């Protein structure tokens, strides 16, 4: 689409002054041009997009857990180390390697786990979802992963990943956007896995079925004590 430059100064009293007449009269002329440079998003805008607009309809609500009183001022290196530690444990779970140590180290006992198939609340329900995966898949590989946002207020990490799940009957790759909410001690209090970045299903009884899944799976999957 062609870009039209705006005209020179607006006509006054119905008369248009030409450049030559302006120069002869000694009066300066001024031409205004629209900037063609893209607007650089601010950090607040990035977090707003990642934490709200991108997840519209996903029911990722403001958290009510109280943060610890320790000083939140930290270096970039310290923050990166914190993020890497959390994501390392999350990756182990996605790759079908759950352990009691991971849940003791990185998860709050009352945390919530959500994906399109389940809405699990509390350790018994969410741990069963992860411990069921080795029975369902012979292999699960993280093909790629990228941190989209990592903030302290809210204490949240958002990342995208491409995960390949395999068993005798399937070889499927799922692209998803994962939101990890943390408490003041950097323990997971909510993890939402949105396949293809889409809002979690809630209509036509989908919400009920996801809750039923979370309640039934613990009846068939043994979860080690933490």
Protein backbone atom coordinates (compact mmCIF):
# COMPACT_ATOMS: atom_id res chain seq x y z
CA UNK A 1 0.00 0.00 0.00
CA UNK A 2 1.57 3.30 -1.01
CA UNK A 3 2.43 5.70 1.78
CA UNK A 4 1.13 9.21 1.16
CA UNK A 5 3.13 12.01 2.70
CA UNK A 6 1.01 14.61 4.50
CA UNK A 7 0.71 18.00 2.84
CA UNK A 8 2.52 21.07 4.04
CA UNK A 9 1.06 23.53 6.57
CA UNK A 10 -2.73 23.76 6.39
CA UNK A 11 -4.30 26.53 4.32
CA UNK A 12 -5.29 29.63 6.30
CA UNK A 13 -8.42 31.68 5.56
CA UNK A 14 -8.99 29.68 2.37
CA UNK A 15 -5.65 30.72 0.77
CA UNK A 16 -2.76 28.33 0.12
CA UNK A 17 0.74 29.80 0.31
CA UNK A 18 3.12 28.25 -2.22
CA UNK A 19 6.74 27.48 -1.24
CA UNK A 20 8.00 30.18 -3.59
CA UNK A 21 5.79 32.87 -2.10
CA UNK A 22 6.74 31.78 1.41
CA UNK A 23 10.42 32.02 0.57
CA UNK A 24 10.05 35.41 -1.03
CA UNK A 25 8.26 36.78 1.99
CA UNK A 26 10.99 35.55 4.30
CA UNK A 27 8.65 33.38 6.33
CA UNK A 28 9.94 29.86 7.17
CA UNK A 29 7.97 26.85 6.03
CA UNK A 30 7.58 23.61 7.94
CA UNK A 31 6.63 20.21 6.55
CA UNK A 32 5.39 17.47 8.89
CA UNK A 33 6.08 13.81 8.12
CA UNK A 34 4.62 10.76 9.82
CA UNK A 35 7.23 8.58 11.49
CA UNK A 36 7.75 5.26 9.70
CA UNK A 37 9.60 3.73 12.67
CA UNK A 38 7.75 0.94 14.53
CA UNK A 39 6.68 1.58 18.10
CA UNK A 40 8.94 -0.20 20.58
CA UNK A 41 6.84 -2.12 23.14
CA UNK A 42 7.48 -1.31 26.77
CA UNK A 43 8.09 -4.07 29.35
CA UNK A 44 4.64 -3.38 30.78
CA UNK A 45 3.08 -3.90 27.35
CA UNK A 46 4.97 -7.18 26.83
CA UNK A 47 3.74 -8.53 30.16
CA UNK A 48 0.21 -7.36 29.44
CA UNK A 49 0.17 -9.16 26.12
CA UNK A 50 1.77 -12.34 27.46
CA UNK A 51 -0.25 -12.47 30.65
CA UNK A 52 -3.61 -11.18 29.48
CA UNK A 53 -4.35 -10.69 25.80
CA UNK A 54 -2.60 -13.85 24.73
CA UNK A 55 -4.56 -15.81 27.31
CA UNK A 56 -7.94 -14.19 26.96
CA UNK A 57 -10.47 -16.74 28.02
CA UNK A 58 -7.93 -19.09 29.59
CA UNK A 59 -9.03 -18.28 33.15
CA UNK A 60 -5.54 -17.34 34.32
CA UNK A 61 -6.66 -15.18 37.23
CA UNK A 62 -4.78 -12.84 39.57
CA UNK A 63 -3.13 -14.82 42.36
CA UNK A 64 -4.08 -14.47 46.01
CA UNK A 65 -1.00 -16.14 47.53
CA UNK A 66 1.02 -13.78 49.68
CA UNK A 67 4.60 -13.17 48.63
CA UNK A 68 7.49 -13.56 51.08
CA UNK A 69 8.89 -10.42 52.63
CA UNK A 70 12.44 -10.98 51.36
CA UNK A 71 14.00 -8.33 49.15
CA UNK A 72 12.87 -8.64 45.52
CA UNK A 73 15.85 -6.70 44.19
CA UNK A 74 18.05 -9.13 42.34
CA UNK A 75 20.53 -9.18 39.51
CA UNK A 76 19.70 -10.44 36.04
CA UNK A 77 21.97 -13.43 36.63
CA UNK A 78 20.15 -14.37 39.85
CA UNK A 79 16.76 -14.06 38.19
CA UNK A 80 17.92 -16.20 35.25
CA UNK A 81 19.18 -18.85 37.64
CA UNK A 82 15.80 -18.87 39.39
CA UNK A 83 13.92 -19.23 36.10
CA UNK A 84 16.26 -21.97 34.84
CA UNK A 85 15.77 -24.00 38.03
CA UNK A 86 11.99 -23.91 37.75
CA UNK A 87 11.96 -24.70 34.03
CA UNK A 88 14.42 -27.58 34.46
CA UNK A 89 11.98 -29.35 36.79
CA UNK A 90 9.02 -28.57 34.54
CA UNK A 91 10.87 -29.99 31.55
CA UNK A 92 11.58 -33.22 33.44
CA UNK A 93 7.84 -33.62 33.97
CA UNK A 94 6.98 -32.98 30.32
CA UNK A 95 9.58 -35.56 29.34
CA UNK A 96 7.89 -38.26 31.47
CA UNK A 97 10.40 -38.25 34.33
CA UNK A 98 8.41 -37.30 37.46
CA UNK A 99 10.09 -37.78 40.85
CA UNK A 100 9.08 -37.02 44.45
CA UNK A 101 12.06 -34.67 44.66
CA UNK A 102 10.70 -32.47 41.86
CA UNK A 103 7.35 -32.02 43.56
CA UNK A 104 8.92 -31.42 46.98
CA UNK A 105 11.34 -28.87 45.53
CA UNK A 106 9.23 -27.00 42.99
CA UNK A 107 5.50 -27.49 43.68
CA UNK A 108 3.14 -26.15 46.32
CA UNK A 109 0.95 -28.90 47.77
CA UNK A 110 -2.22 -26.95 46.86
CA UNK A 111 -1.12 -26.07 43.32
CA UNK A 112 -3.39 -26.25 40.27
CA UNK A 113 -2.55 -27.92 36.96
CA UNK A 114 -4.60 -27.27 33.81
CA UNK A 115 -4.45 -28.43 30.21
CA UNK A 116 -7.17 -29.18 27.63
CA UNK A 117 -7.76 -32.62 29.18
CA UNK A 118 -7.61 -32.00 32.92
CA UNK A 119 -8.17 -29.44 35.66
CA UNK A 120 -6.34 -30.82 38.68
CA UNK A 121 -6.36 -29.27 42.13
CA UNK A 122 -3.98 -30.27 44.89
CA UNK A 123 -1.03 -32.67 45.03
CA UNK A 124 -3.00 -35.90 44.72
CA UNK A 125 -4.66 -34.79 41.48
CA UNK A 126 -1.87 -32.92 39.70
CA UNK A 127 0.86 -35.43 40.60
CA UNK A 128 -1.27 -38.27 39.19
CA UNK A 129 -1.46 -36.46 35.85
CA UNK A 130 2.34 -36.37 35.59
CA UNK A 131 2.88 -39.93 36.88
CA UNK A 132 0.37 -41.22 34.31
CA UNK A 133 2.45 -39.96 31.40
CA UNK A 134 5.16 -42.69 31.44
CA UNK A 135 2.35 -45.26 31.14
CA UNK A 136 0.84 -43.46 28.16
CA UNK A 137 4.00 -42.54 26.25
CA UNK A 138 7.15 -44.50 25.65
CA UNK A 139 9.00 -41.28 24.92
CA UNK A 140 8.44 -37.54 25.20
CA UNK A 141 10.99 -35.04 23.88
CA UNK A 142 11.13 -31.26 24.14
CA UNK A 143 12.08 -30.23 20.61
CA UNK A 144 12.29 -26.51 21.37
CA UNK A 145 11.53 -24.10 24.19
CA UNK A 146 11.60 -20.31 24.53
CA UNK A 147 10.92 -18.07 27.53
CA UNK A 148 8.43 -15.38 26.53
CA UNK A 149 8.18 -13.58 29.85
CA UNK A 150 9.66 -13.90 33.36
CA UNK A 151 8.54 -11.38 35.96
CA UNK A 152 8.53 -10.95 39.72
CA UNK A 153 5.25 -9.04 39.97
CA UNK A 154 3.34 -11.13 39.22
CA UNK A 155 5.74 -13.97 39.99
CA UNK A 156 5.17 -15.68 36.67
CA UNK A 157 7.05 -17.42 33.86
CA UNK A 158 5.53 -17.81 30.41
CA UNK A 159 7.22 -20.00 27.82
CA UNK A 160 6.43 -21.67 24.52
CA UNK A 161 7.51 -25.18 23.65
CA UNK A 162 7.24 -27.89 21.03
CA UNK A 163 6.82 -31.34 22.57
CA UNK A 164 6.86 -34.66 20.72
CA UNK A 165 4.93 -37.55 22.30
CA UNK A 166 5.46 -41.13 21.12
CA UNK A 167 4.06 -44.60 21.76
CA UNK A 168 3.22 -47.66 19.67
CA UNK A 169 0.19 -46.00 18.13
CA UNK A 170 1.14 -42.35 17.78
CA UNK A 171 3.93 -39.92 17.08
CA UNK A 172 2.50 -36.48 17.73
CA UNK A 173 4.08 -33.06 18.20
CA UNK A 174 2.20 -30.50 20.31
CA UNK A 175 3.06 -26.80 20.27
CA UNK A 176 1.92 -25.07 23.42
CA UNK A 177 2.23 -21.97 25.58
CA UNK A 178 2.76 -22.69 29.27
CA UNK A 179 2.11 -20.25 32.11
CA UNK A 180 3.79 -21.01 35.44
CA UNK A 181 2.69 -18.99 38.48
CA UNK A 182 4.92 -19.09 41.57
CA UNK A 183 4.56 -18.18 45.22
CA UNK A 184 7.03 -16.11 47.24
CA UNK A 185 9.29 -19.12 47.69
CA UNK A 186 9.32 -19.77 43.92
CA UNK A 187 7.17 -22.89 44.22
CA UNK A 188 4.61 -23.57 41.50
CA UNK A 189 1.07 -22.72 42.55
CA UNK A 190 -0.43 -22.92 39.07
CA UNK A 191 0.65 -24.35 35.73
CA UNK A 192 -1.52 -23.86 32.65
CA UNK A 193 -0.61 -25.70 29.44
CA UNK A 194 -2.42 -24.25 26.41
CA UNK A 195 -2.07 -26.31 23.25
CA UNK A 196 -1.45 -24.07 20.24
CA UNK A 197 -1.84 -21.13 22.64
CA UNK A 198 -5.62 -21.54 22.60
CA UNK A 199 -7.94 -20.91 25.53
CA UNK A 200 -8.76 -23.99 27.58
CA UNK A 201 -12.10 -25.63 26.72
CA UNK A 202 -14.91 -24.76 29.10
CA UNK A 203 -18.14 -24.90 27.07
CA UNK A 204 -20.56 -27.76 26.44
CA UNK A 205 -19.51 -29.65 29.55
CA UNK A 206 -15.78 -29.56 28.78
CA UNK A 207 -15.01 -27.99 32.15
CA UNK A 208 -16.91 -30.77 33.93
CA UNK A 209 -15.10 -33.49 31.98
CA UNK A 210 -11.70 -31.95 32.74
CA UNK A 211 -12.51 -31.98 36.47
CA UNK A 212 -13.72 -35.57 36.27
CA UNK A 213 -10.48 -36.58 34.55
CA UNK A 214 -8.46 -35.02 37.37
CA UNK A 215 -10.51 -36.85 40.01
CA UNK A 216 -10.53 -40.26 38.31
CA UNK A 217 -6.86 -40.58 37.29
CA UNK A 218 -5.58 -40.81 40.91
CA UNK A 219 -7.73 -43.94 41.34
CA UNK A 220 -5.62 -45.77 38.77
CA UNK A 221 -2.19 -44.14 39.07
CA UNK A 222 0.06 -44.68 42.05
CA UNK A 223 1.70 -41.49 43.31
CA UNK A 224 4.74 -41.79 45.62
CA UNK A 225 4.57 -39.83 48.83
CA UNK A 226 6.58 -36.60 49.06
